[in-house]
Amino acid sequence: MPDLRAAGIRLYYEEHGSGAPIAGIHGTGSSPLVWGEAVDELARLGRVIVYDRRGHGRSERPDPYDRTSVAEHADDAAALLEALDAAPAVVIGRSYGAAVAADLALRHPQLVRALVLLEPAELELAPATAAWARALGERLGEVAEQQGVDAVGEAMIEEALGADTWQVLPENLRRLFTDNGPAVLAEQRGDYVQADAAAFAAVEQPVLLVAAAGSVPVLRELIAALADALPNARTSLVEGGHLIDPAHPDVLAFVGEVLGHTAPARFAARRQDE
């Protein structure tokens, strides 16, 4: 699969399927490898573009790479979509990637057709959620100092997903998160999305906000704040933990509706308070 230079950085990307563009943005320490079969499921609906974000996996890691920001990653995503003539795209982001997707819509709205945000944390709109994310970053910094950067990926997975999660991950994914330790630290040290409710109120595109019933409860506070602020948002509460399936039936139904494959009546998502 190819690479290209976008926003001054070499990014590895993949394309699957054809039709209207659907862009996937992965979370901290991750890559499209973690999305697995979800990519193929989404490719039934359109031209799926997934990529390794700056500092991760097969993309370039700047040297030094001590600090980055959500905005820097959103600018990378914007440059990638423009270079591939893939705008406006339905943008699906998971975790940190969801914050990147939100910032992309705020600052590059012409590139975004619709948003799917799977439990973002790095937005100042909900102070408690942002504080949780910063506390996680501080904890990972301590792990790096005491045990080395190779221990950061495991610590992040255990803190965010539960103490037993690391042991059940396949070996290739454990290696991925381990190798991406420097990228994890750089993101935790960087700036989050500073936009307030008024800024999000200007986002006109349809948005699906997805929270997980088994995830850290504070993450649902941000979903609720976004639901209140965004004028065209729907929410869905799904089973499982923080690694929400990018091809969950609610996501597929939403994307299908946006792209005209399914009628609105078939949309499966529901509000969290129902």
Protein backbone atom coordinates (compact mmCIF):
# COMPACT_ATOMS: atom_id res chain seq x y z
CA MET A 1 0.00 0.00 0.00
CA PRO A 2 1.23 3.54 -0.73
CA ASP A 3 2.66 6.44 1.21
CA LEU A 4 2.40 10.13 0.53
CA ARG A 5 3.71 13.32 2.03
CA ALA A 6 0.96 15.39 3.60
CA ALA A 7 1.44 18.39 5.87
CA GLY A 8 5.18 17.78 5.73
CA ILE A 9 5.04 14.21 7.01
CA ARG A 10 5.11 10.83 5.26
CA LEU A 11 1.87 9.01 5.92
CA TYR A 12 1.09 5.37 5.18
CA TYR A 13 -2.48 4.86 3.97
CA GLU A 14 -4.75 2.21 2.52
CA GLU A 15 -7.83 2.40 0.31
CA HIS A 16 -10.58 -0.21 0.27
CA GLY A 17 -13.75 -0.26 -1.79
CA SER A 18 -15.08 2.44 -4.09
CA GLY A 19 -17.61 5.23 -4.15
CA ALA A 20 -18.12 8.08 -1.71
CA PRO A 21 -15.13 8.58 0.62
CA ILE A 22 -15.15 7.29 4.20
CA ALA A 23 -12.09 8.18 6.29
CA GLY A 24 -11.07 6.27 9.42
CA ILE A 25 -8.88 7.84 12.11
CA HIS A 26 -7.46 5.50 14.75
CA GLY A 27 -6.79 6.14 18.44
CA THR A 28 -3.64 6.65 20.48
CA GLY A 29 -0.95 4.02 20.01
CA SER A 30 -3.08 2.22 17.45
CA SER A 31 -3.34 1.77 13.67
CA PRO A 32 -5.85 0.50 11.10
CA LEU A 33 -4.67 -3.00 12.03
CA VAL A 34 -6.75 -2.70 15.21
CA TRP A 35 -9.87 -1.93 13.16
CA GLY A 36 -9.60 -5.38 11.59
CA GLU A 37 -12.66 -6.54 9.65
CA ALA A 38 -14.43 -3.22 10.27
CA VAL A 39 -12.55 -1.77 7.30
CA ASP A 40 -14.00 -4.38 4.96
CA GLU A 41 -17.49 -3.88 6.38
CA LEU A 42 -17.29 -0.12 5.82
CA ALA A 43 -15.91 -0.70 2.31
CA ARG A 44 -19.27 -2.18 1.37
CA LEU A 45 -20.61 1.37 1.67
CA GLY A 46 -17.90 3.42 -0.02
CA ARG A 47 -14.24 4.17 -0.61
CA VAL A 48 -12.60 3.65 2.77
CA ILE A 49 -9.34 5.46 3.50
CA VAL A 50 -7.45 4.50 6.65
CA TYR A 51 -3.94 5.52 7.59
CA ASP A 52 -1.30 5.35 10.29
CA ARG A 53 -1.29 8.72 12.02
CA ARG A 54 1.88 10.72 12.44
CA GLY A 55 4.34 8.92 14.70
CA HIS A 56 2.54 5.58 14.47
CA GLY A 57 3.41 2.30 12.79
CA ARG A 58 4.22 2.61 9.12
CA SER A 59 4.00 6.41 8.98
CA GLU A 60 6.88 8.74 9.69
CA ARG A 61 7.81 9.55 13.28
CA PRO A 62 9.49 12.96 13.52
CA ASP A 63 12.78 13.06 15.38
CA PRO A 64 12.48 14.31 18.02
CA TYR A 65 8.84 13.47 18.64
CA ASP A 66 8.23 14.65 22.18
CA ARG A 67 4.97 16.51 21.74
CA THR A 68 2.12 16.79 19.26
CA SER A 69 -1.48 18.05 19.33
CA VAL A 70 -4.93 17.13 18.14
CA ALA A 71 -4.76 20.10 15.75
CA GLU A 72 -1.55 18.82 14.18
CA HIS A 73 -3.18 15.45 13.49
CA ALA A 74 -6.30 17.13 12.12
CA ASP A 75 -4.12 19.11 9.72
CA ASP A 76 -2.48 15.83 8.65
CA ALA A 77 -5.92 14.34 8.00
CA ALA A 78 -6.97 17.41 6.02
CA ALA A 79 -3.85 17.26 3.87
CA LEU A 80 -4.36 13.53 3.25
CA LEU A 81 -7.99 13.95 2.17
CA GLU A 82 -7.07 16.80 -0.14
CA ALA A 83 -4.13 14.90 -1.66
CA LEU A 84 -6.34 11.88 -2.35
CA ASP A 85 -9.23 13.98 -3.69
CA ALA A 86 -11.39 12.35 -1.01
CA ALA A 87 -13.47 15.24 0.28
CA PRO A 88 -15.98 15.71 1.61
CA ALA A 89 -15.71 12.44 3.50
CA VAL A 90 -17.69 10.69 6.17
CA VAL A 91 -15.07 10.74 8.94
CA ILE A 92 -15.06 8.03 11.62
CA GLY A 93 -12.75 8.55 14.58
CA ARG A 94 -12.13 6.35 17.60
CA SER A 95 -10.83 7.71 20.94
CA TYR A 96 -8.03 10.24 20.20
CA GLY A 97 -8.93 9.81 16.54
CA ALA A 98 -12.46 10.99 17.35
CA ALA A 99 -11.02 14.20 18.80
CA VAL A 100 -8.99 14.59 15.60
CA ALA A 101 -12.16 14.07 13.54
CA ALA A 102 -14.02 16.68 15.60
CA ASP A 103 -11.23 19.21 15.15
CA LEU A 104 -11.19 18.47 11.43
CA ALA A 105 -14.89 19.38 11.23
CA LEU A 106 -14.35 22.54 13.29
CA ARG A 107 -11.42 23.91 11.27
CA HIS A 108 -11.80 22.22 7.87
CA PRO A 109 -15.59 21.83 7.53
CA GLN A 110 -15.47 21.70 3.74
CA LEU A 111 -13.68 18.34 3.99
CA VAL A 112 -16.31 16.65 6.18
CA ARG A 113 -19.64 15.24 5.00
CA ALA A 114 -20.57 13.63 8.31
CA LEU A 115 -18.90 12.57 11.55
CA VAL A 116 -18.91 9.41 13.65
CA LEU A 117 -17.23 10.03 17.01
CA LEU A 118 -16.49 6.90 19.06
CA GLU A 119 -15.78 8.05 22.63
CA PRO A 120 -13.40 10.99 22.22
CA ALA A 121 -11.70 12.29 25.36
CA GLU A 122 -9.34 15.07 24.29
CA LEU A 123 -11.88 17.90 24.07
CA GLU A 124 -12.10 20.69 26.63
CA LEU A 125 -15.88 20.83 26.21
CA ALA A 126 -16.25 18.44 29.16
CA PRO A 127 -13.62 19.39 31.78
CA ALA A 128 -14.01 16.16 33.75
CA THR A 129 -13.32 14.04 30.67
CA ALA A 130 -10.29 16.14 29.72
CA ALA A 131 -9.02 15.88 33.30
CA TRP A 132 -9.34 12.10 33.15
CA ALA A 133 -7.35 12.04 29.91
CA ARG A 134 -4.63 14.24 31.42
CA ALA A 135 -4.43 12.08 34.52
CA LEU A 136 -3.96 9.08 32.23
CA GLY A 137 -1.17 10.94 30.46
CA GLU A 138 0.56 11.72 33.75
CA ARG A 139 0.33 8.08 34.76
CA LEU A 140 1.88 6.99 31.46
CA GLY A 141 4.65 9.52 31.91
CA GLU A 142 5.45 7.95 35.28
CA VAL A 143 5.49 4.50 33.68
CA ALA A 144 7.94 5.73 31.04
CA GLU A 145 10.25 7.16 33.69
CA GLN A 146 10.15 4.08 35.91
CA GLN A 147 9.94 1.23 33.38
CA GLY A 148 10.90 2.72 30.03
CA VAL A 149 8.95 3.72 26.96
CA ASP A 150 8.32 0.10 25.93
CA ALA A 151 6.02 -0.30 28.93
CA VAL A 152 3.77 2.64 28.00
CA GLY A 153 1.53 0.81 25.53
CA GLU A 154 0.67 -1.96 27.97
CA ALA A 155 0.00 0.55 30.74
CA MET A 156 -2.30 2.59 28.51
CA ILE A 157 -4.34 -0.46 27.50
CA GLU A 158 -4.68 -1.60 31.12
CA GLU A 159 -5.70 1.86 32.35
CA ALA A 160 -8.22 2.50 29.59
CA LEU A 161 -9.58 -0.99 28.96
CA GLY A 162 -8.99 -2.97 32.14
CA ALA A 163 -6.16 -4.88 33.77
CA ASP A 164 -6.82 -8.16 31.95
CA THR A 165 -7.11 -6.72 28.45
CA TRP A 166 -3.43 -6.76 27.54
CA GLN A 167 -3.09 -10.50 28.00
CA VAL A 168 -5.92 -11.29 25.59
CA LEU A 169 -4.65 -9.06 22.79
CA PRO A 170 -2.99 -10.88 19.88
CA GLU A 171 0.79 -10.73 19.88
CA ASN A 172 0.91 -8.48 16.80
CA LEU A 173 -1.30 -5.89 18.51
CA ARG A 174 0.72 -6.01 21.73
CA ARG A 175 3.83 -5.34 19.63
CA LEU A 176 2.05 -2.51 17.84
CA PHE A 177 1.11 -0.71 21.05
CA THR A 178 4.58 -1.31 22.47
CA ASP A 179 6.33 0.10 19.41
CA ASN A 180 4.03 3.13 19.41
CA GLY A 181 4.97 4.09 22.97
CA PRO A 182 6.75 7.32 21.90
CA ALA A 183 3.65 8.40 19.95
CA VAL A 184 1.45 7.71 22.99
CA LEU A 185 3.59 9.97 25.15
CA ALA A 186 3.79 12.73 22.53
CA GLU A 187 0.00 12.84 22.28
CA GLN A 188 -0.53 12.83 26.03
CA ARG A 189 1.81 15.81 26.40
CA GLY A 190 0.10 17.85 23.70
CA ASP A 191 -2.87 20.19 23.42
CA TYR A 192 -6.47 19.07 23.22
CA VAL A 193 -9.36 20.65 21.28
CA GLN A 194 -10.13 24.00 22.89
CA ALA A 195 -13.52 24.62 21.23
CA ASP A 196 -16.51 25.59 23.35
CA ALA A 197 -20.20 24.79 22.89
CA ALA A 198 -20.70 27.78 20.58
CA ALA A 199 -18.00 26.48 18.24
CA PHE A 200 -19.59 23.04 18.08
CA ALA A 201 -22.98 24.63 17.48
CA ALA A 202 -21.62 25.83 14.13
CA VAL A 203 -20.97 22.25 12.94
CA GLU A 204 -23.83 21.62 10.54
CA GLN A 205 -22.93 18.13 9.36
CA PRO A 206 -24.80 15.11 10.71
CA VAL A 207 -22.96 13.50 13.62
CA LEU A 208 -23.27 10.14 15.33
CA LEU A 209 -21.92 10.08 18.88
CA VAL A 210 -21.23 6.62 20.26
CA ALA A 211 -20.52 5.69 23.88
CA ALA A 212 -19.88 2.25 25.38
CA ALA A 213 -21.81 0.93 28.37
CA GLY A 214 -18.74 -0.81 29.79
CA SER A 215 -16.32 2.05 29.30
CA VAL A 216 -15.01 4.61 31.80
CA PRO A 217 -18.15 6.53 32.90
CA VAL A 218 -16.51 9.94 32.60
CA LEU A 219 -16.21 9.46 28.83
CA ARG A 220 -20.00 9.58 28.56
CA GLU A 221 -19.96 13.10 30.01
CA LEU A 222 -18.28 14.37 26.87
CA ILE A 223 -20.74 12.51 24.66
CA ALA A 224 -23.59 14.21 26.53
CA ALA A 225 -21.96 17.64 26.22
CA LEU A 226 -21.43 17.15 22.50
CA ALA A 227 -25.02 15.98 22.06
CA ASP A 228 -26.21 19.20 23.68
CA ALA A 229 -23.92 21.40 21.60
CA LEU A 230 -24.11 19.86 18.12
CA PRO A 231 -27.27 20.85 16.19
CA ASN A 232 -27.47 17.69 14.08
CA ALA A 233 -26.26 14.94 16.40
CA ARG A 234 -27.59 11.51 17.32
CA THR A 235 -26.30 9.35 20.15
CA SER A 236 -25.93 5.64 20.59
CA LEU A 237 -25.01 3.64 23.69
CA VAL A 238 -23.53 0.28 22.70
CA GLU A 239 -22.37 -2.74 24.64
CA GLY A 240 -18.70 -3.38 25.39
CA GLY A 241 -15.77 -1.17 26.30
CA HIS A 242 -13.82 1.77 24.93
CA LEU A 243 -12.63 0.04 21.74
CA ILE A 244 -15.97 0.54 20.02
CA ASP A 245 -16.35 -1.31 16.73
CA PRO A 246 -16.10 1.21 13.84
CA ALA A 247 -18.45 -1.10 11.94
CA HIS A 248 -21.00 -1.49 14.72
CA PRO A 249 -24.50 -1.85 13.20
CA ASP A 250 -25.43 1.64 14.44
CA VAL A 251 -22.39 3.08 12.67
CA LEU A 252 -23.11 1.19 9.45
CA ALA A 253 -26.73 2.32 9.53
CA PHE A 254 -25.72 5.95 10.03
CA VAL A 255 -23.09 5.90 7.28
CA GLY A 256 -25.49 4.10 4.96
CA GLU A 257 -28.14 6.73 5.59
CA VAL A 258 -25.72 9.62 5.00
CA LEU A 259 -24.55 8.08 1.73
CA GLY A 260 -28.07 7.27 0.59
CA HIS A 261 -27.87 3.50 0.86
CA THR A 262 -30.56 3.18 3.54
CA ALA A 263 -33.62 5.17 4.50
CA PRO A 264 -33.67 7.20 7.74
CA ALA A 265 -36.30 4.87 9.20
CA ARG A 266 -33.75 2.06 9.29
CA PHE A 267 -31.29 3.99 11.44
CA ALA A 268 -30.58 1.90 14.54
CA ALA A 269 -28.99 4.36 16.97
CA ARG A 270 -30.77 5.51 20.09
CA ARG A 271 -30.33 8.26 22.62
CA GLN A 272 -28.46 7.37 25.79
CA ASP A 273 -31.39 8.36 27.98
CA GLU A 274 -33.82 5.97 26.32
